[in-house]
Amino acid sequence: MTHTILRQPAVLKRRGRSRSSHYSDIKNGLYVKPVRIGPRAVGTPENEVDALNAARIAGKTDEEIRALVVKLEAARKAAA
């Protein structure tokens, strides 16, 4: 199973959001926190980007999105 980590420009392009809106969403629990991939580099797992985009497309509420974010971040810890 291949796990791809997307860098910020790719995440922003897939989301259609500005950088400031993206970080605001992270702060408000509406998007997953990035993972560290190097001393000065972070990225977001592609499967998480896809899951959150699908939830938005499906019309999930902000509370449902927050629950999904918690679930996705918990799955990271379980996989480690």
PDB file of N, CA and C in Angstrom:
ATOM      1  N   MET A   1       0.839  -1.175   0.000  1.00  0.00           N
ATOM      2  CA  MET A   1       0.000   0.000   0.000  1.00  0.00           C
ATOM      3  C   MET A   1       0.890   1.246   0.000  1.00  0.00           C
ATOM      4  N   THR A   2       0.670   2.131  -0.930  1.00  0.00           N
ATOM      5  CA  THR A   2       1.456   3.337  -1.057  1.00  0.00           C
ATOM      6  C   THR A   2       0.755   4.500  -0.362  1.00  0.00           C
ATOM      7  N   HIS A   3       1.511   5.218   0.433  1.00  0.00           N
ATOM      8  CA  HIS A   3       0.991   6.398   1.102  1.00  0.00           C
ATOM      9  C   HIS A   3       1.720   7.608   0.541  1.00  0.00           C
ATOM     10  N   THR A   4       0.979   8.495  -0.086  1.00  0.00           N
ATOM     11  CA  THR A   4       1.564   9.692  -0.661  1.00  0.00           C
ATOM     12  C   THR A   4       1.307  10.868   0.263  1.00  0.00           C
ATOM     13  N   ILE A   5       2.340  11.662   0.474  1.00  0.00           N
ATOM     14  CA  ILE A   5       2.204  12.874   1.271  1.00  0.00           C
ATOM     15  C   ILE A   5       2.295  14.054   0.323  1.00  0.00           C
ATOM     16  N   LEU A   6       1.279  14.894   0.363  1.00  0.00           N
ATOM     17  CA  LEU A   6       1.224  16.059  -0.506  1.00  0.00           C
ATOM     18  C   LEU A   6       1.785  17.279   0.209  1.00  0.00           C
ATOM     19  N   ARG A   7       2.579  18.046  -0.481  1.00  0.00           N
ATOM     20  CA  ARG A   7       3.092  19.301   0.062  1.00  0.00           C
ATOM     21  C   ARG A   7       1.994  20.361  -0.022  1.00  0.00           C
ATOM     22  N   GLN A   8       2.189  21.459   0.683  1.00  0.00           N
ATOM     23  CA  GLN A   8       1.153  22.478   0.815  1.00  0.00           C
ATOM     24  C   GLN A   8       0.598  23.005  -0.516  1.00  0.00           C
ATOM     25  N   PRO A   9       1.423  23.341  -1.513  1.00  0.00           N
ATOM     26  CA  PRO A   9       0.842  23.851  -2.764  1.00  0.00           C
ATOM     27  C   PRO A   9      -0.144  22.861  -3.402  1.00  0.00           C
ATOM     28  N   ALA A  10       0.166  21.577  -3.341  1.00  0.00           N
ATOM     29  CA  ALA A  10      -0.734  20.570  -3.909  1.00  0.00           C
ATOM     30  C   ALA A  10      -2.022  20.463  -3.103  1.00  0.00           C
ATOM     31  N   VAL A  11      -1.905  20.562  -1.775  1.00  0.00           N
ATOM     32  CA  VAL A  11      -3.095  20.501  -0.915  1.00  0.00           C
ATOM     33  C   VAL A  11      -4.000  21.700  -1.195  1.00  0.00           C
ATOM     34  N   LEU A  12      -3.413  22.885  -1.261  1.00  0.00           N
ATOM     35  CA  LEU A  12      -4.198  24.094  -1.518  1.00  0.00           C
ATOM     36  C   LEU A  12      -4.887  24.022  -2.874  1.00  0.00           C
ATOM     37  N   LYS A  13      -4.197  23.499  -3.858  1.00  0.00           N
ATOM     38  CA  LYS A  13      -4.787  23.373  -5.196  1.00  0.00           C
ATOM     39  C   LYS A  13      -5.968  22.409  -5.175  1.00  0.00           C
ATOM     40  N   ARG A  14      -5.819  21.281  -4.494  1.00  0.00           N
ATOM     41  CA  ARG A  14      -6.907  20.301  -4.411  1.00  0.00           C
ATOM     42  C   ARG A  14      -8.092  20.834  -3.620  1.00  0.00           C
ATOM     43  N   ARG A  15      -7.816  21.652  -2.625  1.00  0.00           N
ATOM     44  CA  ARG A  15      -8.878  22.201  -1.780  1.00  0.00           C
ATOM     45  C   ARG A  15      -9.557  23.399  -2.415  1.00  0.00           C
ATOM     46  N   GLY A  16      -8.822  24.151  -3.216  1.00  0.00           N
ATOM     47  CA  GLY A  16      -9.373  25.380  -3.764  1.00  0.00           C
ATOM     48  C   GLY A  16      -9.484  26.469  -2.708  1.00  0.00           C
ATOM     49  N   ARG A  17      -8.579  26.448  -1.749  1.00  0.00           N
ATOM     50  CA  ARG A  17      -8.588  27.413  -0.646  1.00  0.00           C
ATOM     51  C   ARG A  17      -7.283  28.192  -0.642  1.00  0.00           C
ATOM     52  N   SER A  18      -7.331  29.389  -0.067  1.00  0.00           N
ATOM     53  CA  SER A  18      -6.118  30.177   0.085  1.00  0.00           C
ATOM     54  C   SER A  18      -5.309  29.623   1.250  1.00  0.00           C
ATOM     55  N   ARG A  19      -4.062  30.040   1.326  1.00  0.00           N
ATOM     56  CA  ARG A  19      -3.184  29.594   2.410  1.00  0.00           C
ATOM     57  C   ARG A  19      -3.753  30.021   3.759  1.00  0.00           C
ATOM     58  N   SER A  20      -4.188  31.271   3.866  1.00  0.00           N
ATOM     59  CA  SER A  20      -4.702  31.758   5.148  1.00  0.00           C
ATOM     60  C   SER A  20      -5.994  31.035   5.544  1.00  0.00           C
ATOM     61  N   SER A  21      -6.860  30.757   4.595  1.00  0.00           N
ATOM     62  CA  SER A  21      -8.092  30.011   4.892  1.00  0.00           C
ATOM     63  C   SER A  21      -7.775  28.583   5.309  1.00  0.00           C
ATOM     64  N   HIS A  22      -6.774  28.001   4.669  1.00  0.00           N
ATOM     65  CA  HIS A  22      -6.359  26.639   5.003  1.00  0.00           C
ATOM     66  C   HIS A  22      -5.900  26.565   6.461  1.00  0.00           C
ATOM     67  N   TYR A  23      -5.035  27.494   6.862  1.00  0.00           N
ATOM     68  CA  TYR A  23      -4.542  27.480   8.236  1.00  0.00           C
ATOM     69  C   TYR A  23      -5.633  27.858   9.242  1.00  0.00           C
ATOM     70  N   SER A  24      -6.561  28.678   8.833  1.00  0.00           N
ATOM     71  CA  SER A  24      -7.708  28.988   9.693  1.00  0.00           C
ATOM     72  C   SER A  24      -8.548  27.726   9.919  1.00  0.00           C
ATOM     73  N   ASP A  25      -8.746  26.944   8.856  1.00  0.00           N
ATOM     74  CA  ASP A  25      -9.488  25.687   8.985  1.00  0.00           C
ATOM     75  C   ASP A  25      -8.785  24.728   9.943  1.00  0.00           C
ATOM     76  N   ILE A  26      -7.463  24.640   9.859  1.00  0.00           N
ATOM     77  CA  ILE A  26      -6.701  23.775  10.765  1.00  0.00           C
ATOM     78  C   ILE A  26      -6.906  24.246  12.207  1.00  0.00           C
ATOM     79  N   LYS A  27      -6.784  25.542  12.428  1.00  0.00           N
ATOM     80  CA  LYS A  27      -6.945  26.113  13.768  1.00  0.00           C
ATOM     81  C   LYS A  27      -8.338  25.835  14.337  1.00  0.00           C
ATOM     82  N   ASN A  28      -9.353  25.856  13.486  1.00  0.00           N
ATOM     83  CA  ASN A  28     -10.740  25.650  13.916  1.00  0.00           C
ATOM     84  C   ASN A  28     -11.167  24.186  13.915  1.00  0.00           C
ATOM     85  N   GLY A  29     -10.223  23.276  13.664  1.00  0.00           N
ATOM     86  CA  GLY A  29     -10.530  21.852  13.694  1.00  0.00           C
ATOM     87  C   GLY A  29     -11.255  21.337  12.473  1.00  0.00           C
ATOM     88  N   LEU A  30     -11.237  22.116  11.390  1.00  0.00           N
ATOM     89  CA  LEU A  30     -11.940  21.723  10.170  1.00  0.00           C
ATOM     90  C   LEU A  30     -11.015  21.090   9.129  1.00  0.00           C
ATOM     91  N   TYR A  31      -9.755  20.926   9.493  1.00  0.00           N
ATOM     92  CA  TYR A  31      -8.799  20.269   8.594  1.00  0.00           C
ATOM     93  C   TYR A  31      -7.692  19.656   9.437  1.00  0.00           C
ATOM     94  N   VAL A  32      -7.134  18.572   8.955  1.00  0.00           N
ATOM     95  CA  VAL A  32      -6.080  17.867   9.689  1.00  0.00           C
ATOM     96  C   VAL A  32      -4.801  18.701   9.734  1.00  0.00           C
ATOM     97  N   LYS A  33      -4.042  18.521  10.808  1.00  0.00           N
ATOM     98  CA  LYS A  33      -2.747  19.175  10.927  1.00  0.00           C
ATOM     99  C   LYS A  33      -1.764  18.458  10.009  1.00  0.00           C
ATOM    100  N   PRO A  34      -0.830  19.199   9.426  1.00  0.00           N
ATOM    101  CA  PRO A  34       0.159  18.546   8.571  1.00  0.00           C
ATOM    102  C   PRO A  34       1.110  17.674   9.396  1.00  0.00           C
ATOM    103  N   VAL A  35       1.771  16.749   8.713  1.00  0.00           N
ATOM    104  CA  VAL A  35       2.759  15.882   9.361  1.00  0.00           C
ATOM    105  C   VAL A  35       4.157  16.358   8.973  1.00  0.00           C
ATOM    106  N   ARG A  36       5.080  16.201   9.877  1.00  0.00           N
ATOM    107  CA  ARG A  36       6.463  16.596   9.621  1.00  0.00           C
ATOM    108  C   ARG A  36       7.119  15.528   8.742  1.00  0.00           C
ATOM    109  N   ILE A  37       7.730  15.983   7.647  1.00  0.00           N
ATOM    110  CA  ILE A  37       8.412  15.047   6.749  1.00  0.00           C
ATOM    111  C   ILE A  37       9.896  15.365   6.642  1.00  0.00           C
ATOM    112  N   GLY A  38      10.336  16.369   7.363  1.00  0.00           N
ATOM    113  CA  GLY A  38      11.736  16.755   7.378  1.00  0.00           C
ATOM    114  C   GLY A  38      11.920  17.865   8.386  1.00  0.00           C
ATOM    115  N   PRO A  39      13.157  18.316   8.571  1.00  0.00           N
ATOM    116  CA  PRO A  39      13.415  19.355   9.562  1.00  0.00           C
ATOM    117  C   PRO A  39      12.650  20.657   9.286  1.00  0.00           C
ATOM    118  N   ARG A  40      12.445  20.972   8.008  1.00  0.00           N
ATOM    119  CA  ARG A  40      11.747  22.212   7.653  1.00  0.00           C
ATOM    120  C   ARG A  40      10.632  21.956   6.650  1.00  0.00           C
ATOM    121  N   ALA A  41      10.081  20.756   6.662  1.00  0.00           N
ATOM    122  CA  ALA A  41       9.067  20.410   5.669  1.00  0.00           C
ATOM    123  C   ALA A  41       7.903  19.663   6.306  1.00  0.00           C
ATOM    124  N   VAL A  42       6.707  20.011   5.856  1.00  0.00           N
ATOM    125  CA  VAL A  42       5.499  19.310   6.293  1.00  0.00           C
ATOM    126  C   VAL A  42       4.664  18.962   5.070  1.00  0.00           C
ATOM    127  N   GLY A  43       3.737  18.055   5.263  1.00  0.00           N
ATOM    128  CA  GLY A  43       2.827  17.664   4.197  1.00  0.00           C
ATOM    129  C   GLY A  43       1.587  17.034   4.807  1.00  0.00           C
ATOM    130  N   THR A  44       0.638  16.718   3.957  1.00  0.00           N
ATOM    131  CA  THR A  44      -0.615  16.111   4.398  1.00  0.00           C
ATOM    132  C   THR A  44      -0.822  14.812   3.619  1.00  0.00           C
ATOM    133  N   PRO A  45      -1.142  13.714   4.313  1.00  0.00           N
ATOM    134  CA  PRO A  45      -1.390  12.462   3.608  1.00  0.00           C
ATOM    135  C   PRO A  45      -2.518  12.624   2.577  1.00  0.00           C
ATOM    136  N   GLU A  46      -2.275  12.118   1.390  1.00  0.00           N
ATOM    137  CA  GLU A  46      -3.226  12.268   0.287  1.00  0.00           C
ATOM    138  C   GLU A  46      -4.593  11.677   0.622  1.00  0.00           C
ATOM    139  N   ASN A  47      -4.601  10.528   1.320  1.00  0.00           N
ATOM    140  CA  ASN A  47      -5.887   9.906   1.637  1.00  0.00           C
ATOM    141  C   ASN A  47      -6.732  10.802   2.548  1.00  0.00           C
ATOM    142  N   GLU A  48      -6.081  11.587   3.416  1.00  0.00           N
ATOM    143  CA  GLU A  48      -6.817  12.499   4.297  1.00  0.00           C
ATOM    144  C   GLU A  48      -7.378  13.685   3.514  1.00  0.00           C
ATOM    145  N   VAL A  49      -6.607  14.192   2.570  1.00  0.00           N
ATOM    146  CA  VAL A  49      -7.084  15.274   1.702  1.00  0.00           C
ATOM    147  C   VAL A  49      -8.311  14.792   0.939  1.00  0.00           C
ATOM    148  N   ASP A  50      -8.223  13.590   0.373  1.00  0.00           N
ATOM    149  CA  ASP A  50      -9.339  13.030  -0.391  1.00  0.00           C
ATOM    150  C   ASP A  50     -10.575  12.812   0.482  1.00  0.00           C
ATOM    151  N   ALA A  51     -10.378  12.314   1.706  1.00  0.00           N
ATOM    152  CA  ALA A  51     -11.505  12.057   2.607  1.00  0.00           C
ATOM    153  C   ALA A  51     -12.211  13.352   2.997  1.00  0.00           C
ATOM    154  N   LEU A  52     -11.433  14.386   3.282  1.00  0.00           N
ATOM    155  CA  LEU A  52     -12.036  15.659   3.663  1.00  0.00           C
ATOM    156  C   LEU A  52     -12.724  16.339   2.482  1.00  0.00           C
ATOM    157  N   ASN A  53     -12.139  16.236   1.300  1.00  0.00           N
ATOM    158  CA  ASN A  53     -12.796  16.787   0.112  1.00  0.00           C
ATOM    159  C   ASN A  53     -14.105  16.062  -0.159  1.00  0.00           C
ATOM    160  N   ALA A  54     -14.106  14.740  -0.025  1.00  0.00           N
ATOM    161  CA  ALA A  54     -15.323  13.959  -0.252  1.00  0.00           C
ATOM    162  C   ALA A  54     -16.411  14.342   0.753  1.00  0.00           C
ATOM    163  N   ALA A  55     -16.018  14.578   2.003  1.00  0.00           N
ATOM    164  CA  ALA A  55     -16.986  14.974   3.031  1.00  0.00           C
ATOM    165  C   ALA A  55     -17.602  16.328   2.695  1.00  0.00           C
ATOM    166  N   ARG A  56     -16.788  17.262   2.242  1.00  0.00           N
ATOM    167  CA  ARG A  56     -17.314  18.572   1.839  1.00  0.00           C
ATOM    168  C   ARG A  56     -18.265  18.442   0.656  1.00  0.00           C
ATOM    169  N   ILE A  57     -17.871  17.648  -0.325  1.00  0.00           N
ATOM    170  CA  ILE A  57     -18.710  17.450  -1.504  1.00  0.00           C
ATOM    171  C   ILE A  57     -20.043  16.819  -1.113  1.00  0.00           C
ATOM    172  N   ALA A  58     -20.004  15.917  -0.129  1.00  0.00           N
ATOM    173  CA  ALA A  58     -21.223  15.245   0.337  1.00  0.00           C
ATOM    174  C   ALA A  58     -22.098  16.163   1.191  1.00  0.00           C
ATOM    175  N   GLY A  59     -21.619  17.362   1.486  1.00  0.00           N
ATOM    176  CA  GLY A  59     -22.426  18.315   2.223  1.00  0.00           C
ATOM    177  C   GLY A  59     -22.422  18.123   3.734  1.00  0.00           C
ATOM    178  N   LYS A  60     -21.369  17.508   4.248  1.00  0.00           N
ATOM    179  CA  LYS A  60     -21.275  17.296   5.694  1.00  0.00           C
ATOM    180  C   LYS A  60     -21.207  18.639   6.424  1.00  0.00           C
ATOM    181  N   THR A  61     -21.743  18.681   7.622  1.00  0.00           N
ATOM    182  CA  THR A  61     -21.711  19.897   8.436  1.00  0.00           C
ATOM    183  C   THR A  61     -20.314  20.091   9.018  1.00  0.00           C
ATOM    184  N   ASP A  62     -20.075  21.284   9.560  1.00  0.00           N
ATOM    185  CA  ASP A  62     -18.786  21.553  10.185  1.00  0.00           C
ATOM    186  C   ASP A  62     -18.544  20.598  11.350  1.00  0.00           C
ATOM    187  N   GLU A  63     -19.569  20.285  12.110  1.00  0.00           N
ATOM    188  CA  GLU A  63     -19.407  19.349  13.231  1.00  0.00           C
ATOM    189  C   GLU A  63     -19.034  17.950  12.733  1.00  0.00           C
ATOM    190  N   GLU A  64     -19.631  17.516  11.642  1.00  0.00           N
ATOM    191  CA  GLU A  64     -19.286  16.214  11.059  1.00  0.00           C
ATOM    192  C   GLU A  64     -17.854  16.221  10.525  1.00  0.00           C
ATOM    193  N   ILE A  65     -17.444  17.352   9.958  1.00  0.00           N
ATOM    194  CA  ILE A  65     -16.072  17.494   9.462  1.00  0.00           C
ATOM    195  C   ILE A  65     -15.095  17.436  10.634  1.00  0.00           C
ATOM    196  N   ARG A  66     -15.416  18.124  11.731  1.00  0.00           N
ATOM    197  CA  ARG A  66     -14.542  18.093  12.911  1.00  0.00           C
ATOM    198  C   ARG A  66     -14.392  16.664  13.435  1.00  0.00           C
ATOM    199  N   ALA A  67     -15.484  15.916  13.450  1.00  0.00           N
ATOM    200  CA  ALA A  67     -15.428  14.515  13.903  1.00  0.00           C
ATOM    201  C   ALA A  67     -14.549  13.691  12.973  1.00  0.00           C
ATOM    202  N   LEU A  68     -14.633  13.946  11.679  1.00  0.00           N
ATOM    203  CA  LEU A  68     -13.797  13.233  10.712  1.00  0.00           C
ATOM    204  C   LEU A  68     -12.323  13.583  10.917  1.00  0.00           C
ATOM    205  N   VAL A  69     -12.028  14.846  11.188  1.00  0.00           N
ATOM    206  CA  VAL A  69     -10.648  15.269  11.444  1.00  0.00           C
ATOM    207  C   VAL A  69     -10.086  14.524  12.650  1.00  0.00           C
ATOM    208  N   VAL A  70     -10.870  14.434  13.718  1.00  0.00           N
ATOM    209  CA  VAL A  70     -10.430  13.718  14.923  1.00  0.00           C
ATOM    210  C   VAL A  70     -10.164  12.253  14.579  1.00  0.00           C
ATOM    211  N   LYS A  71     -11.046  11.661  13.803  1.00  0.00           N
ATOM    212  CA  LYS A  71     -10.899  10.252  13.413  1.00  0.00           C
ATOM    213  C   LYS A  71      -9.639  10.042  12.556  1.00  0.00           C
ATOM    214  N   LEU A  72      -9.409  10.916  11.606  1.00  0.00           N
ATOM    215  CA  LEU A  72      -8.241  10.785  10.738  1.00  0.00           C
ATOM    216  C   LEU A  72      -6.945  10.953  11.515  1.00  0.00           C
ATOM    217  N   GLU A  73      -6.909  11.920  12.414  1.00  0.00           N
ATOM    218  CA  GLU A  73      -5.690  12.139  13.196  1.00  0.00           C
ATOM    219  C   GLU A  73      -5.459  10.999  14.189  1.00  0.00           C
ATOM    220  N   ALA A  74      -6.528  10.399  14.707  1.00  0.00           N
ATOM    221  CA  ALA A  74      -6.389   9.238  15.601  1.00  0.00           C
ATOM    222  C   ALA A  74      -5.858   8.038  14.820  1.00  0.00           C
ATOM    223  N   ALA A  75      -6.291   7.894  13.578  1.00  0.00           N
ATOM    224  CA  ALA A  75      -5.825   6.780  12.748  1.00  0.00           C
ATOM    225  C   ALA A  75      -4.320   6.895  12.477  1.00  0.00           C
ATOM    226  N   ARG A  76      -3.804   8.101  12.391  1.00  0.00           N
ATOM    227  CA  ARG A  76      -2.354   8.300  12.226  1.00  0.00           C
ATOM    228  C   ARG A  76      -1.606   7.709  13.410  1.00  0.00           C
ATOM    229  N   LYS A  77      -2.096   8.041  14.601  1.00  0.00           N
ATOM    230  CA  LYS A  77      -1.429   7.557  15.811  1.00  0.00           C
ATOM    231  C   LYS A  77      -1.511   6.045  15.933  1.00  0.00           C
ATOM    232  N   ALA A  78      -2.649   5.482  15.536  1.00  0.00           N
ATOM    233  CA  ALA A  78      -2.829   4.027  15.608  1.00  0.00           C
ATOM    234  C   ALA A  78      -1.907   3.308  14.631  1.00  0.00           C
ATOM    235  N   ALA A  79      -1.633   3.935  13.498  1.00  0.00           N
ATOM    236  CA  ALA A  79      -0.783   3.321  12.475  1.00  0.00           C
ATOM    237  C   ALA A  79       0.687   3.352  12.873  1.00  0.00           C
ATOM    238  N   ALA A  80       1.044   4.254  13.758  1.00  0.00           N
ATOM    239  CA  ALA A  80       2.457   4.434  14.130  1.00  0.00           C
ATOM    240  C   ALA A  80       2.937   3.431  15.116  1.00  0.00           C
TER     241      ALA A  80
END
